[in-house]
Amino acid sequence: MIKITLKSYFIFEIKSFLFYFINNIKKKYEYIGPFYMPRKIEKFTILVSPHVDKHARDQLQIKYFKVILYIKKFDIYLLNFLHKNKYIDGISIKYNFL
């Protein structure tokens, strides 16, 4: 069994990759999922003028989206596909063998 983890800043990029990926693998492989994990929000506070006014601050936040997909039986062609598409813009693809 192989566990595929997709991470991105934009949920639309994950959904479009999953649509393409699942349509290509559903004829040949058995899969479980996709499981959408809760989004992770990191918040930062930055002082705009630290010398004069301590109350002048900006707040920023970054949202991470994560999806997990399991494939039961796989072969070398699926691993080659995952390795070639590992560096798609905006999506981080990681896979682990279980």
N, C-alpha and C. Protein backbone atom coordinates (compact mmCIF):
# COMPACT_ATOMS: atom_id res chain seq x y z
N MET A 1 0.85 -1.17 0.00
CA MET A 1 0.00 0.00 0.00
C MET A 1 0.90 1.23 0.00
N ILE A 2 0.45 2.25 -0.71
CA ILE A 2 1.21 3.50 -0.79
C ILE A 2 0.31 4.64 -0.34
N LYS A 3 0.88 5.55 0.44
CA LYS A 3 0.15 6.71 0.94
C LYS A 3 0.67 7.95 0.22
N ILE A 4 -0.22 8.67 -0.46
CA ILE A 4 0.15 9.86 -1.21
C ILE A 4 -0.41 11.07 -0.47
N THR A 5 0.46 12.03 -0.17
CA THR A 5 0.07 13.24 0.54
C THR A 5 0.28 14.43 -0.38
N LEU A 6 -0.76 15.24 -0.56
CA LEU A 6 -0.69 16.44 -1.38
C LEU A 6 -0.85 17.65 -0.47
N LYS A 7 0.05 18.63 -0.59
CA LYS A 7 -0.03 19.87 0.18
C LYS A 7 0.05 21.04 -0.77
N SER A 8 -0.74 22.08 -0.48
CA SER A 8 -0.72 23.26 -1.33
C SER A 8 -1.29 24.44 -0.55
N TYR A 9 -1.05 25.64 -1.09
CA TYR A 9 -1.65 26.85 -0.54
C TYR A 9 -3.05 27.07 -1.10
N PHE A 10 -3.36 26.44 -2.25
CA PHE A 10 -4.63 26.66 -2.94
C PHE A 10 -5.36 25.33 -3.10
N ILE A 11 -6.61 25.27 -2.64
CA ILE A 11 -7.39 24.04 -2.72
C ILE A 11 -7.76 23.71 -4.16
N PHE A 12 -7.89 24.74 -5.01
CA PHE A 12 -8.27 24.51 -6.41
C PHE A 12 -7.19 23.71 -7.15
N GLU A 13 -5.93 23.97 -6.86
CA GLU A 13 -4.84 23.22 -7.51
C GLU A 13 -4.86 21.75 -7.08
N ILE A 14 -5.15 21.49 -5.81
CA ILE A 14 -5.22 20.11 -5.33
C ILE A 14 -6.39 19.38 -5.99
N LYS A 15 -7.55 20.04 -6.06
CA LYS A 15 -8.71 19.40 -6.65
C LYS A 15 -8.52 19.11 -8.13
N SER A 16 -7.89 20.02 -8.86
CA SER A 16 -7.67 19.79 -10.29
C SER A 16 -6.67 18.66 -10.51
N PHE A 17 -5.61 18.57 -9.68
CA PHE A 17 -4.66 17.46 -9.80
C PHE A 17 -5.32 16.14 -9.43
N LEU A 18 -6.15 16.13 -8.38
CA LEU A 18 -6.84 14.90 -7.99
C LEU A 18 -7.80 14.42 -9.07
N PHE A 19 -8.51 15.35 -9.72
CA PHE A 19 -9.41 14.97 -10.80
C PHE A 19 -8.64 14.30 -11.93
N TYR A 20 -7.51 14.87 -12.31
CA TYR A 20 -6.66 14.30 -13.36
C TYR A 20 -6.07 12.96 -12.91
N PHE A 21 -5.58 12.89 -11.70
CA PHE A 21 -4.90 11.70 -11.18
C PHE A 21 -5.87 10.53 -11.01
N ILE A 22 -7.02 10.77 -10.40
CA ILE A 22 -7.99 9.69 -10.14
C ILE A 22 -8.60 9.18 -11.44
N ASN A 23 -8.85 10.07 -12.40
CA ASN A 23 -9.39 9.60 -13.68
C ASN A 23 -8.40 8.71 -14.41
N ASN A 24 -7.11 8.90 -14.21
CA ASN A 24 -6.11 8.07 -14.87
C ASN A 24 -5.84 6.76 -14.14
N ILE A 25 -6.03 6.72 -12.83
CA ILE A 25 -5.67 5.50 -12.10
C ILE A 25 -6.85 4.61 -11.76
N LYS A 26 -8.08 5.09 -11.89
CA LYS A 26 -9.20 4.29 -11.38
C LYS A 26 -9.47 3.04 -12.21
N LYS A 27 -9.00 2.98 -13.44
CA LYS A 27 -9.19 1.78 -14.25
C LYS A 27 -8.23 0.66 -13.87
N LYS A 28 -7.05 1.02 -13.39
CA LYS A 28 -6.01 0.03 -13.17
C LYS A 28 -5.75 -0.28 -11.69
N TYR A 29 -5.91 0.72 -10.81
CA TYR A 29 -5.53 0.55 -9.41
C TYR A 29 -6.76 0.72 -8.50
N GLU A 30 -6.67 0.09 -7.33
CA GLU A 30 -7.67 0.29 -6.29
C GLU A 30 -7.18 1.37 -5.35
N TYR A 31 -8.03 2.35 -5.06
CA TYR A 31 -7.61 3.44 -4.19
C TYR A 31 -8.65 3.69 -3.11
N ILE A 32 -8.20 4.30 -2.02
CA ILE A 32 -9.05 4.68 -0.89
C ILE A 32 -8.89 6.18 -0.71
N GLY A 33 -9.97 6.89 -0.65
CA GLY A 33 -9.90 8.33 -0.43
C GLY A 33 -10.45 9.08 -1.61
N PRO A 34 -10.12 10.30 -1.77
CA PRO A 34 -9.21 11.17 -1.03
C PRO A 34 -9.82 11.68 0.28
N PHE A 35 -8.96 11.87 1.25
CA PHE A 35 -9.35 12.39 2.56
C PHE A 35 -8.81 13.81 2.69
N TYR A 36 -9.72 14.77 2.84
CA TYR A 36 -9.34 16.17 3.01
C TYR A 36 -9.11 16.44 4.49
N MET A 37 -7.91 16.85 4.82
CA MET A 37 -7.57 17.15 6.20
C MET A 37 -7.97 18.60 6.51
N PRO A 38 -8.17 18.93 7.78
CA PRO A 38 -8.50 20.32 8.12
C PRO A 38 -7.37 21.27 7.72
N ARG A 39 -7.75 22.44 7.24
CA ARG A 39 -6.72 23.37 6.80
C ARG A 39 -5.96 23.92 8.01
N LYS A 40 -4.70 24.19 7.79
CA LYS A 40 -3.83 24.70 8.84
C LYS A 40 -3.59 26.18 8.57
N ILE A 41 -3.81 27.01 9.57
CA ILE A 41 -3.66 28.45 9.42
C ILE A 41 -2.53 28.91 10.34
N GLU A 42 -1.54 29.58 9.76
CA GLU A 42 -0.46 30.19 10.55
C GLU A 42 -0.64 31.70 10.49
N LYS A 43 -0.63 32.33 11.66
CA LYS A 43 -0.83 33.77 11.74
C LYS A 43 0.44 34.43 12.26
N PHE A 44 0.80 35.56 11.66
CA PHE A 44 1.98 36.32 12.03
C PHE A 44 1.59 37.76 12.32
N THR A 45 2.26 38.37 13.28
CA THR A 45 2.09 39.79 13.57
C THR A 45 3.43 40.48 13.41
N ILE A 46 3.44 41.54 12.62
CA ILE A 46 4.68 42.25 12.30
C ILE A 46 4.54 43.70 12.77
N LEU A 47 5.55 44.19 13.47
CA LEU A 47 5.57 45.60 13.87
C LEU A 47 5.95 46.45 12.67
N VAL A 48 5.12 47.45 12.35
CA VAL A 48 5.39 48.31 11.20
C VAL A 48 6.47 49.34 11.55
N SER A 49 6.32 50.00 12.69
CA SER A 49 7.33 50.96 13.12
C SER A 49 7.72 50.65 14.55
N PRO A 50 8.74 49.85 14.76
CA PRO A 50 9.06 49.41 16.13
C PRO A 50 9.64 50.51 17.03
N HIS A 51 10.12 51.62 16.46
CA HIS A 51 10.76 52.64 17.29
C HIS A 51 9.76 53.66 17.82
N VAL A 52 8.72 53.97 17.03
CA VAL A 52 7.84 55.07 17.41
C VAL A 52 6.55 54.57 18.04
N ASP A 53 5.84 53.72 17.34
CA ASP A 53 4.50 53.33 17.78
C ASP A 53 4.41 51.81 17.85
N LYS A 54 4.27 51.30 19.05
CA LYS A 54 4.18 49.84 19.21
C LYS A 54 2.82 49.30 18.78
N HIS A 55 1.83 50.15 18.62
CA HIS A 55 0.50 49.69 18.26
C HIS A 55 0.30 49.59 16.75
N ALA A 56 1.24 50.06 15.96
CA ALA A 56 1.15 49.96 14.51
C ALA A 56 1.66 48.59 14.09
N ARG A 57 0.74 47.68 13.80
CA ARG A 57 1.09 46.30 13.48
C ARG A 57 0.31 45.82 12.26
N ASP A 58 0.90 44.91 11.53
CA ASP A 58 0.22 44.23 10.43
C ASP A 58 0.10 42.76 10.79
N GLN A 59 -1.01 42.16 10.41
CA GLN A 59 -1.21 40.74 10.66
C GLN A 59 -1.36 40.01 9.33
N LEU A 60 -0.65 38.90 9.22
CA LEU A 60 -0.66 38.08 8.02
C LEU A 60 -1.06 36.66 8.39
N GLN A 61 -1.61 35.93 7.42
CA GLN A 61 -1.90 34.53 7.66
C GLN A 61 -1.65 33.72 6.40
N ILE A 62 -1.23 32.48 6.61
CA ILE A 62 -0.96 31.54 5.52
C ILE A 62 -1.83 30.32 5.77
N LYS A 63 -2.54 29.86 4.73
CA LYS A 63 -3.39 28.68 4.84
C LYS A 63 -2.76 27.54 4.06
N TYR A 64 -2.67 26.37 4.68
CA TYR A 64 -2.18 25.16 4.04
C TYR A 64 -3.35 24.17 3.91
N PHE A 65 -3.47 23.56 2.74
CA PHE A 65 -4.47 22.53 2.51
C PHE A 65 -3.75 21.21 2.29
N LYS A 66 -4.34 20.12 2.80
CA LYS A 66 -3.69 18.82 2.74
C LYS A 66 -4.71 17.75 2.40
N VAL A 67 -4.33 16.84 1.49
CA VAL A 67 -5.20 15.74 1.07
C VAL A 67 -4.37 14.46 1.10
N ILE A 68 -4.99 13.37 1.60
CA ILE A 68 -4.32 12.08 1.68
C ILE A 68 -5.09 11.07 0.83
N LEU A 69 -4.36 10.26 0.06
CA LEU A 69 -4.94 9.25 -0.82
C LEU A 69 -4.13 7.97 -0.65
N TYR A 70 -4.82 6.83 -0.53
CA TYR A 70 -4.16 5.53 -0.40
C TYR A 70 -4.40 4.71 -1.65
N ILE A 71 -3.37 4.02 -2.13
CA ILE A 71 -3.49 3.11 -3.26
C ILE A 71 -3.05 1.74 -2.78
N LYS A 72 -3.94 0.73 -2.97
CA LYS A 72 -3.69 -0.59 -2.40
C LYS A 72 -2.58 -1.34 -3.13
N LYS A 73 -2.76 -1.60 -4.41
CA LYS A 73 -1.76 -2.35 -5.18
C LYS A 73 -1.21 -1.43 -6.26
N PHE A 74 0.09 -1.35 -6.34
CA PHE A 74 0.72 -0.44 -7.29
C PHE A 74 1.85 -1.17 -7.99
N ASP A 75 2.37 -0.54 -9.05
CA ASP A 75 3.50 -1.11 -9.80
C ASP A 75 4.50 0.01 -10.10
N ILE A 76 5.49 -0.32 -10.89
CA ILE A 76 6.58 0.62 -11.17
C ILE A 76 6.11 1.80 -12.02
N TYR A 77 5.05 1.61 -12.81
CA TYR A 77 4.55 2.70 -13.66
C TYR A 77 3.93 3.81 -12.82
N LEU A 78 3.24 3.45 -11.77
CA LEU A 78 2.67 4.45 -10.87
C LEU A 78 3.78 5.21 -10.13
N LEU A 79 4.80 4.50 -9.70
CA LEU A 79 5.92 5.16 -9.02
C LEU A 79 6.66 6.11 -9.96
N ASN A 80 6.82 5.72 -11.21
CA ASN A 80 7.45 6.62 -12.19
C ASN A 80 6.59 7.86 -12.42
N PHE A 81 5.28 7.68 -12.49
CA PHE A 81 4.37 8.81 -12.66
C PHE A 81 4.47 9.77 -11.48
N LEU A 82 4.49 9.23 -10.26
CA LEU A 82 4.59 10.08 -9.07
C LEU A 82 5.94 10.79 -9.01
N HIS A 83 6.99 10.10 -9.41
CA HIS A 83 8.32 10.71 -9.37
C HIS A 83 8.45 11.82 -10.42
N LYS A 84 7.86 11.64 -11.59
CA LYS A 84 7.92 12.67 -12.62
C LYS A 84 7.10 13.90 -12.25
N ASN A 85 5.96 13.69 -11.59
CA ASN A 85 5.07 14.80 -11.23
C ASN A 85 5.31 15.31 -9.82
N LYS A 86 6.46 15.01 -9.26
CA LYS A 86 6.76 15.41 -7.88
C LYS A 86 6.90 16.92 -7.73
N TYR A 87 7.33 17.59 -8.78
CA TYR A 87 7.61 19.03 -8.70
C TYR A 87 6.64 19.86 -9.52
N ILE A 88 5.35 19.58 -9.39
CA ILE A 88 4.34 20.40 -10.05
C ILE A 88 4.27 21.73 -9.30
N ASP A 89 4.10 22.82 -10.05
CA ASP A 89 4.05 24.14 -9.43
C ASP A 89 2.87 24.27 -8.48
N GLY A 90 3.13 24.63 -7.26
CA GLY A 90 2.08 24.89 -6.29
C GLY A 90 1.63 23.70 -5.48
N ILE A 91 2.09 22.48 -5.82
CA ILE A 91 1.66 21.29 -5.09
C ILE A 91 2.89 20.52 -4.63
N SER A 92 2.88 20.12 -3.38
CA SER A 92 3.93 19.26 -2.84
C SER A 92 3.38 17.85 -2.75
N ILE A 93 4.01 16.91 -3.46
CA ILE A 93 3.56 15.52 -3.48
C ILE A 93 4.58 14.67 -2.76
N LYS A 94 4.13 13.96 -1.74
CA LYS A 94 4.98 13.04 -1.00
C LYS A 94 4.30 11.68 -0.97
N TYR A 95 5.09 10.62 -1.06
CA TYR A 95 4.50 9.28 -0.98
C TYR A 95 5.32 8.43 -0.05
N ASN A 96 4.61 7.59 0.73
CA ASN A 96 5.22 6.68 1.69
C ASN A 96 4.69 5.28 1.44
N PHE A 97 5.52 4.29 1.68
CA PHE A 97 5.11 2.91 1.53
C PHE A 97 4.69 2.36 2.90
N LEU A 98 3.52 1.75 2.93
CA LEU A 98 3.00 1.21 4.20
C LEU A 98 3.06 -0.30 4.18
